[in-house]
Structure formats: C-alpha cells, structure tokens
Amino acid sequence: MKTISLEIDEQIYPQVLNFLRLLPEDRCHILEDEDSLNPEELAALQDVQSRLRAGDESEFVDWDDIKDRL
C-alpha cells in the first residue's frame, strides 16, 4: 500500500473525509489522526514524513510516469 499525507483547510476536511470513505474499505485504510495508530503504524508514518521533509519522494509514483495512463 501507498500512504498519502494531506494537509487541508478545516472547512473542507469533512467533505474530503466523506469522499475517502466512499472508497472500498479493503483497498483504503483511513488514518484520521496519529492517536489511532499502533506503534508500528506510527513509526512507518513518521519515517515517510521524515523522508518527505528531506526531499526523498522515492516511495511515491512519479506523476509524469502515470498521468498519460489515466
């Protein structure tokens, strides 16, 4: 699975969350806040966030590689 970290305005947060809940539960796991994560999940999230802050986007698909297939 891939992880998406998204910062959004509080006013649209409910709409975005409702949209995400439309996705199949077996294909998408919504982590609403870090308090709901177990230690392993929290460590994985912090690792990804740390790499992103350092400019490492190697875990993520390059948009230029896939946009023509959509």
N, C-alpha and C. Protein backbone atom coordinates (compact mmCIF):
# COMPACT_ATOMS: atom_id res chain seq x y z
N MET A 1 0.83 -1.18 0.00
CA MET A 1 0.00 0.00 0.00
C MET A 1 0.88 1.24 0.00
N LYS A 2 0.34 2.30 -0.51
CA LYS A 2 0.99 3.61 -0.51
C LYS A 2 0.30 4.47 0.53
N THR A 3 1.02 5.47 1.03
CA THR A 3 0.47 6.38 2.02
C THR A 3 0.41 7.78 1.45
N ILE A 4 -0.71 8.46 1.69
CA ILE A 4 -0.87 9.84 1.27
C ILE A 4 -0.98 10.69 2.53
N SER A 5 -0.17 11.70 2.60
CA SER A 5 -0.27 12.66 3.68
C SER A 5 -0.80 13.95 3.07
N LEU A 6 -1.87 14.48 3.63
CA LEU A 6 -2.56 15.60 3.01
C LEU A 6 -2.93 16.63 4.07
N GLU A 7 -2.53 17.87 3.85
CA GLU A 7 -2.94 18.96 4.73
C GLU A 7 -4.01 19.74 4.00
N ILE A 8 -5.15 19.89 4.65
CA ILE A 8 -6.26 20.62 4.04
C ILE A 8 -6.86 21.58 5.05
N ASP A 9 -7.58 22.54 4.53
CA ASP A 9 -8.26 23.52 5.36
C ASP A 9 -9.35 22.81 6.19
N GLU A 10 -9.52 23.25 7.42
CA GLU A 10 -10.51 22.63 8.30
C GLU A 10 -11.92 22.70 7.72
N GLN A 11 -12.21 23.72 6.93
CA GLN A 11 -13.56 23.88 6.40
C GLN A 11 -13.91 22.78 5.41
N ILE A 12 -12.94 22.26 4.67
CA ILE A 12 -13.24 21.21 3.69
C ILE A 12 -12.89 19.81 4.21
N TYR A 13 -12.32 19.72 5.39
CA TYR A 13 -11.93 18.43 5.96
C TYR A 13 -13.09 17.41 5.95
N PRO A 14 -14.28 17.79 6.42
CA PRO A 14 -15.37 16.80 6.42
C PRO A 14 -15.72 16.28 5.03
N GLN A 15 -15.70 17.15 4.03
CA GLN A 15 -16.03 16.72 2.67
C GLN A 15 -14.97 15.77 2.13
N VAL A 16 -13.71 16.07 2.38
CA VAL A 16 -12.63 15.19 1.91
C VAL A 16 -12.73 13.84 2.60
N LEU A 17 -12.96 13.86 3.89
CA LEU A 17 -13.08 12.61 4.65
C LEU A 17 -14.28 11.79 4.15
N ASN A 18 -15.40 12.44 3.88
CA ASN A 18 -16.57 11.73 3.35
C ASN A 18 -16.27 11.12 1.99
N PHE A 19 -15.53 11.84 1.16
CA PHE A 19 -15.14 11.28 -0.13
C PHE A 19 -14.27 10.03 0.05
N LEU A 20 -13.28 10.12 0.93
CA LEU A 20 -12.40 8.98 1.16
C LEU A 20 -13.16 7.77 1.69
N ARG A 21 -14.20 8.01 2.45
CA ARG A 21 -15.00 6.91 2.99
C ARG A 21 -15.80 6.19 1.90
N LEU A 22 -15.93 6.80 0.74
CA LEU A 22 -16.60 6.14 -0.39
C LEU A 22 -15.73 5.07 -1.03
N LEU A 23 -14.44 5.13 -0.78
CA LEU A 23 -13.51 4.16 -1.36
C LEU A 23 -13.67 2.80 -0.67
N PRO A 24 -13.38 1.71 -1.39
CA PRO A 24 -13.53 0.37 -0.80
C PRO A 24 -12.64 0.20 0.44
N GLU A 25 -13.24 -0.28 1.52
CA GLU A 25 -12.51 -0.43 2.78
C GLU A 25 -11.35 -1.40 2.68
N ASP A 26 -11.46 -2.40 1.80
CA ASP A 26 -10.37 -3.37 1.68
C ASP A 26 -9.21 -2.81 0.86
N ARG A 27 -9.39 -1.63 0.25
CA ARG A 27 -8.35 -1.03 -0.58
C ARG A 27 -7.82 0.27 0.00
N CYS A 28 -8.46 0.78 1.04
CA CYS A 28 -8.11 2.08 1.59
C CYS A 28 -8.31 2.07 3.09
N HIS A 29 -7.28 2.42 3.82
CA HIS A 29 -7.35 2.47 5.28
C HIS A 29 -7.17 3.93 5.69
N ILE A 30 -8.20 4.54 6.26
CA ILE A 30 -8.15 5.95 6.64
C ILE A 30 -7.59 6.07 8.05
N LEU A 31 -6.53 6.84 8.17
CA LEU A 31 -5.92 7.12 9.47
C LEU A 31 -6.28 8.56 9.81
N GLU A 32 -7.33 8.74 10.58
CA GLU A 32 -7.84 10.08 10.84
C GLU A 32 -6.91 10.91 11.71
N ASP A 33 -6.25 10.29 12.65
CA ASP A 33 -5.30 11.03 13.48
C ASP A 33 -4.24 10.07 13.99
N GLU A 34 -3.12 10.63 14.40
CA GLU A 34 -2.00 9.79 14.82
C GLU A 34 -2.28 9.05 16.12
N ASP A 35 -3.25 9.51 16.90
CA ASP A 35 -3.58 8.84 18.16
C ASP A 35 -4.19 7.46 17.94
N SER A 36 -4.76 7.22 16.75
CA SER A 36 -5.40 5.94 16.48
C SER A 36 -4.42 4.90 15.93
N LEU A 37 -3.16 5.27 15.74
CA LEU A 37 -2.17 4.37 15.15
C LEU A 37 -1.50 3.52 16.23
N ASN A 38 -1.18 2.28 15.86
CA ASN A 38 -0.39 1.47 16.77
C ASN A 38 1.07 1.90 16.60
N PRO A 39 1.97 1.48 17.48
CA PRO A 39 3.36 1.95 17.42
C PRO A 39 4.04 1.67 16.07
N GLU A 40 3.75 0.52 15.45
CA GLU A 40 4.36 0.19 14.17
C GLU A 40 3.86 1.13 13.06
N GLU A 41 2.56 1.39 13.04
CA GLU A 41 1.99 2.30 12.04
C GLU A 41 2.52 3.72 12.23
N LEU A 42 2.62 4.16 13.48
CA LEU A 42 3.12 5.50 13.77
C LEU A 42 4.58 5.64 13.33
N ALA A 43 5.39 4.62 13.58
CA ALA A 43 6.79 4.65 13.16
C ALA A 43 6.90 4.72 11.64
N ALA A 44 6.07 3.96 10.93
CA ALA A 44 6.09 3.98 9.47
C ALA A 44 5.67 5.35 8.95
N LEU A 45 4.64 5.94 9.53
CA LEU A 45 4.19 7.26 9.12
C LEU A 45 5.27 8.31 9.36
N GLN A 46 5.88 8.27 10.53
CA GLN A 46 6.94 9.23 10.84
C GLN A 46 8.14 9.07 9.91
N ASP A 47 8.44 7.85 9.52
CA ASP A 47 9.54 7.60 8.59
C ASP A 47 9.25 8.24 7.24
N VAL A 48 8.04 8.04 6.73
CA VAL A 48 7.66 8.63 5.44
C VAL A 48 7.70 10.15 5.53
N GLN A 49 7.14 10.71 6.59
CA GLN A 49 7.13 12.16 6.74
C GLN A 49 8.55 12.72 6.81
N SER A 50 9.43 12.03 7.50
CA SER A 50 10.82 12.46 7.62
C SER A 50 11.52 12.46 6.26
N ARG A 51 11.28 11.38 5.49
CA ARG A 51 11.89 11.31 4.16
C ARG A 51 11.34 12.39 3.23
N LEU A 52 10.05 12.67 3.33
CA LEU A 52 9.47 13.73 2.50
C LEU A 52 10.07 15.09 2.85
N ARG A 53 10.23 15.36 4.14
CA ARG A 53 10.84 16.63 4.56
C ARG A 53 12.27 16.76 4.03
N ALA A 54 12.95 15.63 3.88
CA ALA A 54 14.33 15.63 3.36
C ALA A 54 14.37 15.65 1.83
N GLY A 55 13.18 15.66 1.21
CA GLY A 55 13.12 15.71 -0.26
C GLY A 55 13.13 14.36 -0.94
N ASP A 56 13.05 13.27 -0.18
CA ASP A 56 13.06 11.93 -0.74
C ASP A 56 11.63 11.50 -1.06
N GLU A 57 11.28 11.49 -2.33
CA GLU A 57 9.95 11.07 -2.75
C GLU A 57 10.00 9.72 -3.47
N SER A 58 11.04 8.93 -3.19
CA SER A 58 11.26 7.68 -3.91
C SER A 58 10.15 6.64 -3.66
N GLU A 59 9.41 6.76 -2.57
CA GLU A 59 8.35 5.80 -2.29
C GLU A 59 7.11 6.07 -3.13
N PHE A 60 7.04 7.23 -3.73
CA PHE A 60 5.83 7.65 -4.42
C PHE A 60 6.00 7.54 -5.93
N VAL A 61 4.90 7.23 -6.60
CA VAL A 61 4.88 7.12 -8.05
C VAL A 61 5.05 8.52 -8.64
N ASP A 62 5.86 8.63 -9.66
CA ASP A 62 6.07 9.90 -10.33
C ASP A 62 4.86 10.22 -11.21
N TRP A 63 4.23 11.33 -10.96
CA TRP A 63 3.04 11.74 -11.71
C TRP A 63 3.29 11.75 -13.20
N ASP A 64 4.44 12.20 -13.62
CA ASP A 64 4.76 12.25 -15.05
C ASP A 64 4.74 10.86 -15.69
N ASP A 65 5.04 9.83 -14.91
CA ASP A 65 5.05 8.46 -15.43
C ASP A 65 3.66 7.87 -15.60
N ILE A 66 2.68 8.36 -14.84
CA ILE A 66 1.37 7.70 -14.88
C ILE A 66 0.24 8.57 -15.43
N LYS A 67 0.42 9.86 -15.54
CA LYS A 67 -0.71 10.73 -15.90
C LYS A 67 -1.29 10.40 -17.28
N ASP A 68 -0.49 9.92 -18.22
CA ASP A 68 -1.00 9.59 -19.54
C ASP A 68 -1.84 8.32 -19.54
N ARG A 69 -1.73 7.50 -18.51
CA ARG A 69 -2.50 6.26 -18.43
C ARG A 69 -3.87 6.46 -17.82
N LEU A 70 -4.13 7.63 -17.27
CA LEU A 70 -5.42 7.88 -16.62
C LEU A 70 -6.44 8.41 -17.57
